[in-house]
Structure formats: C-alpha cells, structure tokens
Amino acid sequence: MEQKVNEIMQHISQAQEQLARLLDTERHVTVRMAQIIHNLPDEDPDFGSLEGLMDNSSAVNKSVIDYLNGLADLQDSMAELLERVKKEMNVQDEE
C-alpha cells in the first residue's frame, strides 16, 4: 500500500513540476509585456489609432489574467492532490 502511495506522490510531483514550468513561462511572457508597456512614452504614443492602443492594452490585461488564473488552478490542483494523499495516509494509518 505504501508503494502505491509513493508512486502516486511521484506522479503528483511530476505533474506539479510541469504546471510550475508552464506558469513560469507565462510569467516571463507577462513580465516582458509589462516591460514593453512600461517603456512606451507617456505622451503621444504612436499606435496608429485609439483602437491600436485599446488592442494592446487588452492583450496585456488578458496575459496578466491568464497568468493569475494559472496560479489559481495550480493552487487548486495542489490542494486537491494533497487532500487525496492525506485521506490515503489516514486510511493507511487505520490499517
């Protein structure tokens, strides 16, 4: 039984590592986009039109929201997996 729990924990660990790498990649993209936006001039930016400005602002906001949603999903999945492991450990202790 302990071997099964160890295998499950190993798979959980690998899945969490992959999620963390994905989120780290999204973080880098978001940081870079924020740097680009920060470097834009405050006055008379040349986006071609107000529509261009709105599109670029929307893209940055979407990226930040996606990153935060990814963090929330990671936290939820970690909590769910740890809850399962805790239940399994309690069952094992009872045996």
N, C-alpha and C. Protein backbone atom coordinates (compact mmCIF):
# COMPACT_ATOMS: atom_id res chain seq x y z
N MET A 1 0.82 -1.19 0.00
CA MET A 1 0.00 0.00 0.00
C MET A 1 0.87 1.26 0.00
N GLU A 2 1.93 1.21 0.79
CA GLU A 2 2.83 2.35 0.87
C GLU A 2 3.51 2.60 -0.48
N GLN A 3 3.81 1.52 -1.20
CA GLN A 3 4.42 1.64 -2.52
C GLN A 3 3.49 2.39 -3.47
N LYS A 4 2.19 2.08 -3.41
CA LYS A 4 1.21 2.77 -4.26
C LYS A 4 1.15 4.24 -3.92
N VAL A 5 1.16 4.56 -2.64
CA VAL A 5 1.13 5.97 -2.22
C VAL A 5 2.38 6.69 -2.71
N ASN A 6 3.51 6.02 -2.61
CA ASN A 6 4.76 6.61 -3.10
C ASN A 6 4.71 6.87 -4.60
N GLU A 7 4.16 5.92 -5.36
CA GLU A 7 4.04 6.10 -6.80
C GLU A 7 3.10 7.25 -7.14
N ILE A 8 1.98 7.33 -6.42
CA ILE A 8 1.04 8.43 -6.64
C ILE A 8 1.71 9.76 -6.34
N MET A 9 2.43 9.82 -5.25
CA MET A 9 3.13 11.06 -4.88
C MET A 9 4.16 11.44 -5.94
N GLN A 10 4.83 10.46 -6.50
CA GLN A 10 5.81 10.72 -7.54
C GLN A 10 5.14 11.30 -8.78
N HIS A 11 4.01 10.74 -9.18
CA HIS A 11 3.27 11.25 -10.33
C HIS A 11 2.73 12.66 -10.06
N ILE A 12 2.25 12.86 -8.85
CA ILE A 12 1.76 14.19 -8.47
C ILE A 12 2.89 15.20 -8.55
N SER A 13 4.03 14.81 -8.05
CA SER A 13 5.20 15.70 -8.07
C SER A 13 5.59 16.08 -9.50
N GLN A 14 5.59 15.11 -10.38
CA GLN A 14 5.94 15.38 -11.78
C GLN A 14 4.91 16.29 -12.43
N ALA A 15 3.64 16.06 -12.15
CA ALA A 15 2.59 16.92 -12.72
C ALA A 15 2.72 18.35 -12.20
N GLN A 16 3.03 18.48 -10.92
CA GLN A 16 3.18 19.81 -10.34
C GLN A 16 4.41 20.53 -10.92
N GLU A 17 5.46 19.80 -11.18
CA GLU A 17 6.65 20.39 -11.80
C GLU A 17 6.32 20.92 -13.19
N GLN A 18 5.57 20.15 -13.96
CA GLN A 18 5.19 20.59 -15.30
C GLN A 18 4.29 21.81 -15.25
N LEU A 19 3.34 21.83 -14.32
CA LEU A 19 2.48 23.01 -14.16
C LEU A 19 3.31 24.23 -13.76
N ALA A 20 4.25 24.03 -12.86
CA ALA A 20 5.10 25.13 -12.42
C ALA A 20 5.94 25.69 -13.57
N ARG A 21 6.47 24.79 -14.42
CA ARG A 21 7.24 25.26 -15.57
C ARG A 21 6.38 26.05 -16.53
N LEU A 22 5.16 25.59 -16.75
CA LEU A 22 4.23 26.30 -17.63
C LEU A 22 3.91 27.69 -17.07
N LEU A 23 3.65 27.75 -15.78
CA LEU A 23 3.36 29.04 -15.17
C LEU A 23 4.57 29.96 -15.19
N ASP A 24 5.75 29.40 -15.03
CA ASP A 24 6.96 30.22 -15.08
C ASP A 24 7.13 30.81 -16.47
N THR A 25 6.84 30.03 -17.48
CA THR A 25 6.92 30.53 -18.85
C THR A 25 5.92 31.65 -19.07
N GLU A 26 4.69 31.45 -18.60
CA GLU A 26 3.68 32.50 -18.72
C GLU A 26 4.11 33.76 -17.96
N ARG A 27 4.75 33.56 -16.82
CA ARG A 27 5.21 34.70 -16.02
C ARG A 27 6.24 35.51 -16.80
N HIS A 28 7.16 34.82 -17.46
CA HIS A 28 8.18 35.52 -18.24
C HIS A 28 7.55 36.33 -19.37
N VAL A 29 6.57 35.75 -20.03
CA VAL A 29 5.89 36.47 -21.11
C VAL A 29 5.18 37.70 -20.56
N THR A 30 4.50 37.53 -19.44
CA THR A 30 3.77 38.65 -18.83
C THR A 30 4.73 39.74 -18.38
N VAL A 31 5.83 39.36 -17.78
CA VAL A 31 6.82 40.36 -17.33
C VAL A 31 7.38 41.12 -18.53
N ARG A 32 7.68 40.40 -19.58
CA ARG A 32 8.23 41.06 -20.78
C ARG A 32 7.22 42.02 -21.38
N MET A 33 5.97 41.62 -21.45
CA MET A 33 4.94 42.51 -21.98
C MET A 33 4.79 43.74 -21.10
N ALA A 34 4.86 43.57 -19.79
CA ALA A 34 4.76 44.71 -18.88
C ALA A 34 5.95 45.65 -19.07
N GLN A 35 7.14 45.09 -19.31
CA GLN A 35 8.31 45.93 -19.56
C GLN A 35 8.14 46.74 -20.83
N ILE A 36 7.60 46.11 -21.86
CA ILE A 36 7.36 46.81 -23.13
C ILE A 36 6.38 47.96 -22.90
N ILE A 37 5.30 47.69 -22.19
CA ILE A 37 4.30 48.73 -21.91
C ILE A 37 4.92 49.85 -21.09
N HIS A 38 5.75 49.49 -20.11
CA HIS A 38 6.39 50.50 -19.26
C HIS A 38 7.31 51.41 -20.08
N ASN A 39 7.94 50.88 -21.10
CA ASN A 39 8.87 51.66 -21.91
C ASN A 39 8.19 52.55 -22.94
N LEU A 40 6.90 52.39 -23.11
CA LEU A 40 6.19 53.25 -24.06
C LEU A 40 6.15 54.68 -23.53
N PRO A 41 6.22 55.64 -24.42
CA PRO A 41 6.17 57.03 -23.97
C PRO A 41 4.79 57.37 -23.38
N ASP A 42 4.80 58.28 -22.40
CA ASP A 42 3.56 58.67 -21.74
C ASP A 42 2.70 59.57 -22.63
N GLU A 43 3.35 60.31 -23.47
CA GLU A 43 2.61 61.25 -24.31
C GLU A 43 2.77 60.89 -25.78
N ASP A 44 1.69 61.07 -26.51
CA ASP A 44 1.65 60.87 -27.95
C ASP A 44 2.24 59.53 -28.42
N PRO A 45 1.80 58.43 -27.82
CA PRO A 45 2.29 57.15 -28.34
C PRO A 45 1.72 56.93 -29.74
N ASP A 46 2.51 56.30 -30.56
CA ASP A 46 2.09 56.09 -31.95
C ASP A 46 1.59 54.65 -32.12
N PHE A 47 0.32 54.44 -31.83
CA PHE A 47 -0.30 53.14 -32.02
C PHE A 47 -1.09 53.10 -33.31
N GLY A 48 -1.07 54.16 -34.04
CA GLY A 48 -1.82 54.22 -35.28
C GLY A 48 -3.22 54.77 -35.05
N SER A 49 -3.81 54.41 -33.93
CA SER A 49 -5.15 54.90 -33.60
C SER A 49 -5.47 54.52 -32.17
N LEU A 50 -6.57 55.03 -31.69
CA LEU A 50 -7.02 54.67 -30.35
C LEU A 50 -7.35 53.18 -30.29
N GLU A 51 -7.82 52.64 -31.39
CA GLU A 51 -8.14 51.21 -31.45
C GLU A 51 -6.88 50.37 -31.21
N GLY A 52 -5.75 50.78 -31.76
CA GLY A 52 -4.49 50.07 -31.54
C GLY A 52 -4.09 50.09 -30.08
N LEU A 53 -4.26 51.23 -29.44
CA LEU A 53 -3.95 51.35 -28.02
C LEU A 53 -4.83 50.40 -27.20
N MET A 54 -6.10 50.37 -27.52
CA MET A 54 -7.04 49.51 -26.80
C MET A 54 -6.71 48.03 -27.01
N ASP A 55 -6.33 47.67 -28.22
CA ASP A 55 -5.97 46.28 -28.51
C ASP A 55 -4.75 45.85 -27.72
N ASN A 56 -3.73 46.72 -27.69
CA ASN A 56 -2.51 46.39 -26.95
C ASN A 56 -2.77 46.32 -25.45
N SER A 57 -3.56 47.24 -24.93
CA SER A 57 -3.90 47.20 -23.50
C SER A 57 -4.69 45.95 -23.17
N SER A 58 -5.59 45.58 -24.04
CA SER A 58 -6.38 44.36 -23.85
C SER A 58 -5.48 43.13 -23.82
N ALA A 59 -4.50 43.08 -24.70
CA ALA A 59 -3.60 41.93 -24.76
C ALA A 59 -2.80 41.79 -23.47
N VAL A 60 -2.33 42.90 -22.93
CA VAL A 60 -1.57 42.85 -21.68
C VAL A 60 -2.48 42.40 -20.54
N ASN A 61 -3.66 42.97 -20.47
CA ASN A 61 -4.60 42.59 -19.41
C ASN A 61 -4.95 41.10 -19.51
N LYS A 62 -5.17 40.61 -20.70
CA LYS A 62 -5.51 39.20 -20.90
C LYS A 62 -4.35 38.31 -20.43
N SER A 63 -3.15 38.71 -20.74
CA SER A 63 -1.99 37.93 -20.34
C SER A 63 -1.86 37.86 -18.83
N VAL A 64 -2.05 38.98 -18.17
CA VAL A 64 -1.96 39.01 -16.71
C VAL A 64 -3.08 38.16 -16.10
N ILE A 65 -4.28 38.27 -16.63
CA ILE A 65 -5.41 37.48 -16.13
C ILE A 65 -5.15 35.99 -16.33
N ASP A 66 -4.63 35.60 -17.49
CA ASP A 66 -4.32 34.20 -17.75
C ASP A 66 -3.28 33.67 -16.77
N TYR A 67 -2.28 34.48 -16.49
CA TYR A 67 -1.24 34.08 -15.54
C TYR A 67 -1.84 33.87 -14.15
N LEU A 68 -2.66 34.82 -13.70
CA LEU A 68 -3.27 34.70 -12.38
C LEU A 68 -4.22 33.51 -12.31
N ASN A 69 -4.96 33.26 -13.39
CA ASN A 69 -5.83 32.09 -13.43
C ASN A 69 -5.01 30.80 -13.37
N GLY A 70 -3.86 30.81 -14.04
CA GLY A 70 -2.97 29.65 -13.98
C GLY A 70 -2.47 29.39 -12.57
N LEU A 71 -2.13 30.45 -11.86
CA LEU A 71 -1.71 30.30 -10.46
C LEU A 71 -2.83 29.74 -9.60
N ALA A 72 -4.04 30.24 -9.82
CA ALA A 72 -5.19 29.75 -9.06
C ALA A 72 -5.45 28.27 -9.36
N ASP A 73 -5.35 27.88 -10.63
CA ASP A 73 -5.53 26.48 -11.00
C ASP A 73 -4.47 25.59 -10.36
N LEU A 74 -3.24 26.08 -10.34
CA LEU A 74 -2.15 25.32 -9.71
C LEU A 74 -2.43 25.14 -8.23
N GLN A 75 -2.85 26.20 -7.57
CA GLN A 75 -3.15 26.12 -6.15
C GLN A 75 -4.30 25.14 -5.88
N ASP A 76 -5.34 25.20 -6.70
CA ASP A 76 -6.47 24.29 -6.53
C ASP A 76 -6.06 22.84 -6.73
N SER A 77 -5.27 22.58 -7.77
CA SER A 77 -4.87 21.20 -8.03
C SER A 77 -3.95 20.68 -6.93
N MET A 78 -3.09 21.52 -6.42
CA MET A 78 -2.22 21.10 -5.32
C MET A 78 -3.03 20.77 -4.08
N ALA A 79 -4.01 21.61 -3.78
CA ALA A 79 -4.85 21.37 -2.61
C ALA A 79 -5.64 20.07 -2.76
N GLU A 80 -6.18 19.84 -3.95
CA GLU A 80 -6.95 18.63 -4.20
C GLU A 80 -6.07 17.38 -4.07
N LEU A 81 -4.88 17.43 -4.65
CA LEU A 81 -3.99 16.28 -4.60
C LEU A 81 -3.50 16.01 -3.18
N LEU A 82 -3.20 17.07 -2.46
CA LEU A 82 -2.74 16.88 -1.08
C LEU A 82 -3.86 16.35 -0.19
N GLU A 83 -5.09 16.76 -0.49
CA GLU A 83 -6.24 16.23 0.26
C GLU A 83 -6.37 14.73 0.03
N ARG A 84 -6.21 14.31 -1.23
CA ARG A 84 -6.28 12.88 -1.54
C ARG A 84 -5.19 12.09 -0.83
N VAL A 85 -3.98 12.64 -0.84
CA VAL A 85 -2.86 11.96 -0.19
C VAL A 85 -3.11 11.87 1.32
N LYS A 86 -3.62 12.94 1.90
CA LYS A 86 -3.90 12.95 3.33
C LYS A 86 -4.94 11.88 3.68
N LYS A 87 -5.99 11.76 2.87
CA LYS A 87 -7.00 10.73 3.09
C LYS A 87 -6.38 9.34 2.99
N GLU A 88 -5.53 9.15 1.99
CA GLU A 88 -4.89 7.85 1.80
C GLU A 88 -3.99 7.53 2.98
N MET A 89 -3.28 8.50 3.47
CA MET A 89 -2.40 8.28 4.62
C MET A 89 -3.22 7.95 5.87
N ASN A 90 -4.38 8.59 6.04
CA ASN A 90 -5.24 8.30 7.18
C ASN A 90 -5.78 6.87 7.08
N VAL A 91 -6.15 6.44 5.89
CA VAL A 91 -6.63 5.07 5.70
C VAL A 91 -5.51 4.09 6.02
N GLN A 92 -4.30 4.41 5.59
CA GLN A 92 -3.17 3.54 5.83
C GLN A 92 -2.87 3.45 7.34
N ASP A 93 -2.97 4.57 8.06
CA ASP A 93 -2.74 4.58 9.49
C ASP A 93 -3.77 3.73 10.25
N GLU A 94 -5.01 3.73 9.75
CA GLU A 94 -6.07 2.96 10.39
C GLU A 94 -5.86 1.46 10.23
N GLU A 95 -5.22 1.07 9.11
CA GLU A 95 -4.98 -0.36 8.86
C GLU A 95 -3.86 -0.80 9.75
